[in-house]
Amino acid sequence: AVRGAIGLVPQTVALYPTLTARENLRFFAH
């Protein structure tokens, strides 16, 4: 329930560098 309520932006960038911006957003949205 906590995880569903929060948005976390960690100190180290948590993105997939070999994916596009749109692909990253689609992955995290899913």
All heavy atoms as atom14 arrays in JSON, in Angstrom:
{
  "sequence": "AVRGAIGLVPQTVALYPTLTARENLRFFAH",
  "atom14_mask": [
    [1, 1, 1, 1, 1, 0, 0, 0, 0, 0, 0, 0, 0, 0],
    [1, 1, 1, 1, 1, 1, 1, 0, 0, 0, 0, 0, 0, 0],
    [1, 1, 1, 1, 1, 1, 1, 1, 1, 1, 1, 0, 0, 0],
    [1, 1, 1, 1, 0, 0, 0, 0, 0, 0, 0, 0, 0, 0],
    [1, 1, 1, 1, 1, 0, 0, 0, 0, 0, 0, 0, 0, 0],
    [1, 1, 1, 1, 1, 1, 1, 1, 0, 0, 0, 0, 0, 0],
    [1, 1, 1, 1, 0, 0, 0, 0, 0, 0, 0, 0, 0, 0],
    [1, 1, 1, 1, 1, 1, 1, 1, 0, 0, 0, 0, 0, 0],
    [1, 1, 1, 1, 1, 1, 1, 0, 0, 0, 0, 0, 0, 0],
    [1, 1, 1, 1, 1, 1, 1, 0, 0, 0, 0, 0, 0, 0],
    [1, 1, 1, 1, 1, 1, 1, 1, 1, 0, 0, 0, 0, 0],
    [1, 1, 1, 1, 1, 1, 1, 0, 0, 0, 0, 0, 0, 0],
    [1, 1, 1, 1, 1, 1, 1, 0, 0, 0, 0, 0, 0, 0],
    [1, 1, 1, 1, 1, 0, 0, 0, 0, 0, 0, 0, 0, 0],
    [1, 1, 1, 1, 1, 1, 1, 1, 0, 0, 0, 0, 0, 0],
    [1, 1, 1, 1, 1, 1, 1, 1, 1, 1, 1, 1, 0, 0],
    [1, 1, 1, 1, 1, 1, 1, 0, 0, 0, 0, 0, 0, 0],
    [1, 1, 1, 1, 1, 1, 1, 0, 0, 0, 0, 0, 0, 0],
    [1, 1, 1, 1, 1, 1, 1, 1, 0, 0, 0, 0, 0, 0],
    [1, 1, 1, 1, 1, 1, 1, 0, 0, 0, 0, 0, 0, 0],
    [1, 1, 1, 1, 1, 0, 0, 0, 0, 0, 0, 0, 0, 0],
    [1, 1, 1, 1, 1, 1, 1, 1, 1, 1, 1, 0, 0, 0],
    [1, 1, 1, 1, 1, 1, 1, 1, 1, 0, 0, 0, 0, 0],
    [1, 1, 1, 1, 1, 1, 1, 1, 0, 0, 0, 0, 0, 0],
    [1, 1, 1, 1, 1, 1, 1, 1, 0, 0, 0, 0, 0, 0],
    [1, 1, 1, 1, 1, 1, 1, 1, 1, 1, 1, 0, 0, 0],
    [1, 1, 1, 1, 1, 1, 1, 1, 1, 1, 1, 0, 0, 0],
    [1, 1, 1, 1, 1, 1, 1, 1, 1, 1, 1, 0, 0, 0],
    [1, 1, 1, 1, 1, 0, 0, 0, 0, 0, 0, 0, 0, 0],
    [1, 1, 1, 1, 1, 1, 1, 1, 1, 1, 0, 0, 0, 0]
  ],
  "atom14_positions": [
    [[0.83, -1.21, 0.0], [0.0, 0.0, 0.0], [0.86, 1.25, 0.0], [0.54, 2.25, -0.65], [-0.93, -0.01, 1.21], [0.0, 0.0, 0.0], [0.0, 0.0, 0.0], [0.0, 0.0, 0.0], [0.0, 0.0, 0.0], [0.0, 0.0, 0.0], [0.0, 0.0, 0.0], [0.0, 0.0, 0.0], [0.0, 0.0, 0.0], [0.0, 0.0, 0.0]],
    [[1.98, 1.21, 0.73], [2.89, 2.35, 0.75], [3.46, 2.6, -0.64], [3.51, 3.75, -1.12], [4.03, 2.12, 1.77], [5.1, 3.21, 1.64], [3.48, 2.08, 3.18], [0.0, 0.0, 0.0], [0.0, 0.0, 0.0], [0.0, 0.0, 0.0], [0.0, 0.0, 0.0], [0.0, 0.0, 0.0], [0.0, 0.0, 0.0], [0.0, 0.0, 0.0]],
    [[3.89, 1.55, -1.31], [4.48, 1.7, -2.64], [3.49, 2.28, -3.64], [3.86, 3.02, -4.55], [5.0, 0.35, -3.14], [6.22, -0.13, -2.37], [6.56, -1.57, -2.69], [7.54, -2.09, -1.75], [7.7, -3.37, -1.47], [6.93, -4.28, -2.06], [8.61, -3.76, -0.61], [0.0, 0.0, 0.0], [0.0, 0.0, 0.0], [0.0, 0.0, 0.0]],
    [[2.22, 1.95, -3.46], [1.22, 2.51, -4.35], [0.95, 3.98, -4.11], [0.42, 4.67, -4.98], [0.0, 0.0, 0.0], [0.0, 0.0, 0.0], [0.0, 0.0, 0.0], [0.0, 0.0, 0.0], [0.0, 0.0, 0.0], [0.0, 0.0, 0.0], [0.0, 0.0, 0.0], [0.0, 0.0, 0.0], [0.0, 0.0, 0.0], [0.0, 0.0, 0.0]],
    [[1.33, 4.46, -2.92], [1.05, 5.85, -2.56], [2.21, 6.79, -2.83], [2.04, 8.01, -2.78], [0.67, 5.93, -1.08], [0.0, 0.0, 0.0], [0.0, 0.0, 0.0], [0.0, 0.0, 0.0], [0.0, 0.0, 0.0], [0.0, 0.0, 0.0], [0.0, 0.0, 0.0], [0.0, 0.0, 0.0], [0.0, 0.0, 0.0], [0.0, 0.0, 0.0]],
    [[3.41, 6.23, -3.1], [4.59, 7.09, -3.21], [5.11, 7.17, -4.65], [4.91, 6.28, -5.47], [5.74, 6.59, -2.3], [6.24, 5.22, -2.77], [5.31, 6.57, -0.85], [7.51, 4.76, -2.09], [0.0, 0.0, 0.0], [0.0, 0.0, 0.0], [0.0, 0.0, 0.0], [0.0, 0.0, 0.0], [0.0, 0.0, 0.0], [0.0, 0.0, 0.0]],
    [[5.82, 8.26, -4.9], [6.68, 8.38, -6.06], [8.08, 8.6, -5.53], [8.29, 9.47, -4.69], [0.0, 0.0, 0.0], [0.0, 0.0, 0.0], [0.0, 0.0, 0.0], [0.0, 0.0, 0.0], [0.0, 0.0, 0.0], [0.0, 0.0, 0.0], [0.0, 0.0, 0.0], [0.0, 0.0, 0.0], [0.0, 0.0, 0.0], [0.0, 0.0, 0.0]],
    [[9.04, 7.8, -6.01], [10.4, 7.86, -5.49], [11.35, 8.29, -6.59], [11.39, 7.69, -7.67], [10.83, 6.49, -4.95], [12.31, 6.35, -4.53], [12.62, 7.28, -3.36], [12.63, 4.91, -4.19], [0.0, 0.0, 0.0], [0.0, 0.0, 0.0], [0.0, 0.0, 0.0], [0.0, 0.0, 0.0], [0.0, 0.0, 0.0], [0.0, 0.0, 0.0]],
    [[12.14, 9.33, -6.32], [13.19, 9.77, -7.23], [14.52, 9.58, -6.5], [14.89, 10.4, -5.66], [13.01, 11.24, -7.65], [14.13, 11.66, -8.6], [11.66, 11.42, -8.33], [0.0, 0.0, 0.0], [0.0, 0.0, 0.0], [0.0, 0.0, 0.0], [0.0, 0.0, 0.0], [0.0, 0.0, 0.0], [0.0, 0.0, 0.0], [0.0, 0.0, 0.0]],
    [[15.24, 8.49, -6.78], [16.48, 8.22, -6.04], [17.61, 9.14, -6.47], [17.54, 9.81, -7.52], [16.78, 6.77, -6.41], [16.15, 6.58, -7.75], [14.92, 7.45, -7.76], [0.0, 0.0, 0.0], [0.0, 0.0, 0.0], [0.0, 0.0, 0.0], [0.0, 0.0, 0.0], [0.0, 0.0, 0.0], [0.0, 0.0, 0.0], [0.0, 0.0, 0.0]],
    [[18.66, 9.16, -5.65], [19.8, 10.03, -5.93], [20.49, 9.62, -7.23], [20.91, 10.48, -8.01], [20.79, 9.94, -4.76], [21.95, 10.92, -4.86], [22.8, 10.88, -3.61], [22.51, 10.17, -2.66], [23.86, 11.66, -3.61], [0.0, 0.0, 0.0], [0.0, 0.0, 0.0], [0.0, 0.0, 0.0], [0.0, 0.0, 0.0], [0.0, 0.0, 0.0]],
    [[20.61, 8.33, -7.47], [21.17, 7.83, -8.73], [20.04, 7.69, -9.74], [19.0, 7.1, -9.44], [21.85, 6.46, -8.53], [22.88, 6.6, -7.55], [22.45, 5.95, -9.82], [0.0, 0.0, 0.0], [0.0, 0.0, 0.0], [0.0, 0.0, 0.0], [0.0, 0.0, 0.0], [0.0, 0.0, 0.0], [0.0, 0.0, 0.0], [0.0, 0.0, 0.0]],
    [[20.22, 8.23, -10.92], [19.17, 8.2, -11.94], [18.75, 6.76, -12.21], [19.6, 5.9, -12.51], [19.65, 8.89, -13.23], [18.63, 8.69, -14.35], [19.89, 10.36, -12.98], [0.0, 0.0, 0.0], [0.0, 0.0, 0.0], [0.0, 0.0, 0.0], [0.0, 0.0, 0.0], [0.0, 0.0, 0.0], [0.0, 0.0, 0.0], [0.0, 0.0, 0.0]],
    [[17.45, 6.49, -12.11], [16.91, 5.14, -12.27], [16.16, 5.03, -13.59], [14.93, 5.0, -13.63], [16.0, 4.79, -11.09], [0.0, 0.0, 0.0], [0.0, 0.0, 0.0], [0.0, 0.0, 0.0], [0.0, 0.0, 0.0], [0.0, 0.0, 0.0], [0.0, 0.0, 0.0], [0.0, 0.0, 0.0], [0.0, 0.0, 0.0], [0.0, 0.0, 0.0]],
    [[16.92, 5.0, -14.66], [16.35, 4.87, -16.0], [17.1, 3.78, -16.75], [18.23, 3.42, -16.39], [16.48, 6.19, -16.78], [15.76, 7.41, -16.2], [16.2, 8.67, -16.94], [14.25, 7.24, -16.29], [0.0, 0.0, 0.0], [0.0, 0.0, 0.0], [0.0, 0.0, 0.0], [0.0, 0.0, 0.0], [0.0, 0.0, 0.0], [0.0, 0.0, 0.0]],
    [[16.49, 3.24, -17.82], [17.16, 2.27, -18.67], [17.81, 3.01, -19.82], [17.13, 3.51, -20.73], [16.16, 1.23, -19.16], [15.68, 0.32, -18.05], [14.5, 0.59, -17.37], [16.44, -0.79, -17.68], [14.07, -0.24, -16.34], [16.02, -1.61, -16.64], [14.84, -1.33, -15.98], [14.43, -2.15, -14.95], [0.0, 0.0, 0.0], [0.0, 0.0, 0.0]],
    [[19.15, 3.13, -19.81], [19.83, 4.0, -20.77], [19.73, 3.55, -22.21], [19.86, 4.37, -23.13], [21.29, 4.0, -20.28], [21.43, 2.73, -19.5], [20.09, 2.5, -18.87], [0.0, 0.0, 0.0], [0.0, 0.0, 0.0], [0.0, 0.0, 0.0], [0.0, 0.0, 0.0], [0.0, 0.0, 0.0], [0.0, 0.0, 0.0], [0.0, 0.0, 0.0]],
    [[19.51, 2.25, -22.46], [19.45, 1.76, -23.84], [18.04, 1.85, -24.44], [17.86, 1.55, -25.62], [19.93, 0.3, -23.91], [19.12, -0.51, -23.06], [21.39, 0.2, -23.46], [0.0, 0.0, 0.0], [0.0, 0.0, 0.0], [0.0, 0.0, 0.0], [0.0, 0.0, 0.0], [0.0, 0.0, 0.0], [0.0, 0.0, 0.0], [0.0, 0.0, 0.0]],
    [[17.07, 2.27, -23.62], [15.7, 2.46, -24.11], [15.46, 3.93, -24.43], [16.18, 4.81, -23.96], [14.68, 2.0, -23.07], [14.74, 0.53, -22.63], [13.64, 0.25, -21.62], [14.63, -0.4, -23.83], [0.0, 0.0, 0.0], [0.0, 0.0, 0.0], [0.0, 0.0, 0.0], [0.0, 0.0, 0.0], [0.0, 0.0, 0.0], [0.0, 0.0, 0.0]],
    [[14.45, 4.2, -25.21], [14.07, 5.58, -25.48], [13.33, 6.14, -24.27], [12.92, 5.41, -23.36], [13.16, 5.68, -26.7], [11.9, 5.04, -26.4], [13.8, 5.03, -27.92], [0.0, 0.0, 0.0], [0.0, 0.0, 0.0], [0.0, 0.0, 0.0], [0.0, 0.0, 0.0], [0.0, 0.0, 0.0], [0.0, 0.0, 0.0], [0.0, 0.0, 0.0]],
    [[13.12, 7.45, -24.28], [12.35, 8.08, -23.2], [10.94, 7.51, -23.16], [10.4, 7.21, -22.08], [12.31, 9.59, -23.4], [0.0, 0.0, 0.0], [0.0, 0.0, 0.0], [0.0, 0.0, 0.0], [0.0, 0.0, 0.0], [0.0, 0.0, 0.0], [0.0, 0.0, 0.0], [0.0, 0.0, 0.0], [0.0, 0.0, 0.0], [0.0, 0.0, 0.0]],
    [[10.32, 7.33, -24.31], [8.96, 6.8, -24.36], [8.9, 5.37, -23.83], [7.99, 5.01, -23.08], [8.42, 6.85, -25.79], [6.92, 6.57, -25.88], [6.45, 6.47, -27.32], [6.85, 7.6, -28.13], [6.19, 8.77, -28.16], [5.12, 8.94, -27.4], [6.61, 9.75, -28.93], [0.0, 0.0, 0.0], [0.0, 0.0, 0.0], [0.0, 0.0, 0.0]],
    [[9.89, 4.57, -24.19], [9.92, 3.19, -23.71], [10.11, 3.13, -22.2], [9.51, 2.28, -21.53], [11.04, 2.42, -24.43], [10.72, 2.13, -25.89], [11.92, 1.63, -26.66], [13.07, 1.86, -26.21], [11.73, 1.03, -27.73], [0.0, 0.0, 0.0], [0.0, 0.0, 0.0], [0.0, 0.0, 0.0], [0.0, 0.0, 0.0], [0.0, 0.0, 0.0]],
    [[10.93, 4.01, -21.66], [11.08, 4.07, -20.21], [9.76, 4.41, -19.55], [9.36, 3.76, -18.57], [12.14, 5.12, -19.84], [13.53, 4.55, -19.7], [13.9, 4.0, -18.67], [14.31, 4.66, -20.77], [0.0, 0.0, 0.0], [0.0, 0.0, 0.0], [0.0, 0.0, 0.0], [0.0, 0.0, 0.0], [0.0, 0.0, 0.0], [0.0, 0.0, 0.0]],
    [[9.07, 5.41, -20.06], [7.8, 5.81, -19.47], [6.75, 4.71, -19.59], [5.98, 4.48, -18.64], [7.31, 7.1, -20.11], [8.07, 8.37, -19.72], [7.69, 9.53, -20.62], [7.82, 8.73, -18.26], [0.0, 0.0, 0.0], [0.0, 0.0, 0.0], [0.0, 0.0, 0.0], [0.0, 0.0, 0.0], [0.0, 0.0, 0.0], [0.0, 0.0, 0.0]],
    [[6.71, 4.03, -20.72], [5.76, 2.93, -20.87], [6.04, 1.81, -19.86], [5.12, 1.25, -19.26], [5.85, 2.37, -22.29], [5.13, 3.21, -23.34], [5.39, 2.64, -24.72], [4.66, 3.38, -25.75], [4.91, 3.28, -27.04], [5.85, 2.45, -27.49], [4.2, 3.98, -27.91], [0.0, 0.0, 0.0], [0.0, 0.0, 0.0], [0.0, 0.0, 0.0]],
    [[7.32, 1.5, -19.66], [7.69, 0.46, -18.72], [7.26, 0.82, -17.31], [6.63, 0.02, -16.61], [9.2, 0.21, -18.76], [9.68, -0.7, -17.67], [9.51, -2.08, -17.77], [10.28, -0.19, -16.52], [9.93, -2.92, -16.75], [10.7, -1.03, -15.51], [10.53, -2.4, -15.62], [0.0, 0.0, 0.0], [0.0, 0.0, 0.0], [0.0, 0.0, 0.0]],
    [[7.59, 2.05, -16.88], [7.25, 2.45, -15.51], [5.74, 2.62, -15.33], [5.21, 2.35, -14.25], [8.0, 3.73, -15.13], [9.45, 3.48, -14.83], [10.44, 3.88, -15.7], [9.82, 2.81, -13.67], [11.77, 3.64, -15.43], [11.16, 2.56, -13.39], [12.14, 2.97, -14.28], [0.0, 0.0, 0.0], [0.0, 0.0, 0.0], [0.0, 0.0, 0.0]],
    [[5.04, 3.05, -16.37], [3.58, 3.14, -16.27], [2.98, 1.76, -16.05], [2.08, 1.58, -15.22], [3.01, 3.77, -17.55], [0.0, 0.0, 0.0], [0.0, 0.0, 0.0], [0.0, 0.0, 0.0], [0.0, 0.0, 0.0], [0.0, 0.0, 0.0], [0.0, 0.0, 0.0], [0.0, 0.0, 0.0], [0.0, 0.0, 0.0], [0.0, 0.0, 0.0]],
    [[3.48, 0.77, -16.78], [3.0, -0.61, -16.6], [3.34, -1.11, -15.2], [2.5, -1.75, -14.53], [3.63, -1.52, -17.66], [3.16, -2.94, -17.59], [1.95, -3.36, -18.13], [3.71, -4.04, -17.02], [1.79, -4.65, -17.9], [2.84, -5.09, -17.23], [0.0, 0.0, 0.0], [0.0, 0.0, 0.0], [0.0, 0.0, 0.0], [0.0, 0.0, 0.0]]
  ]
}
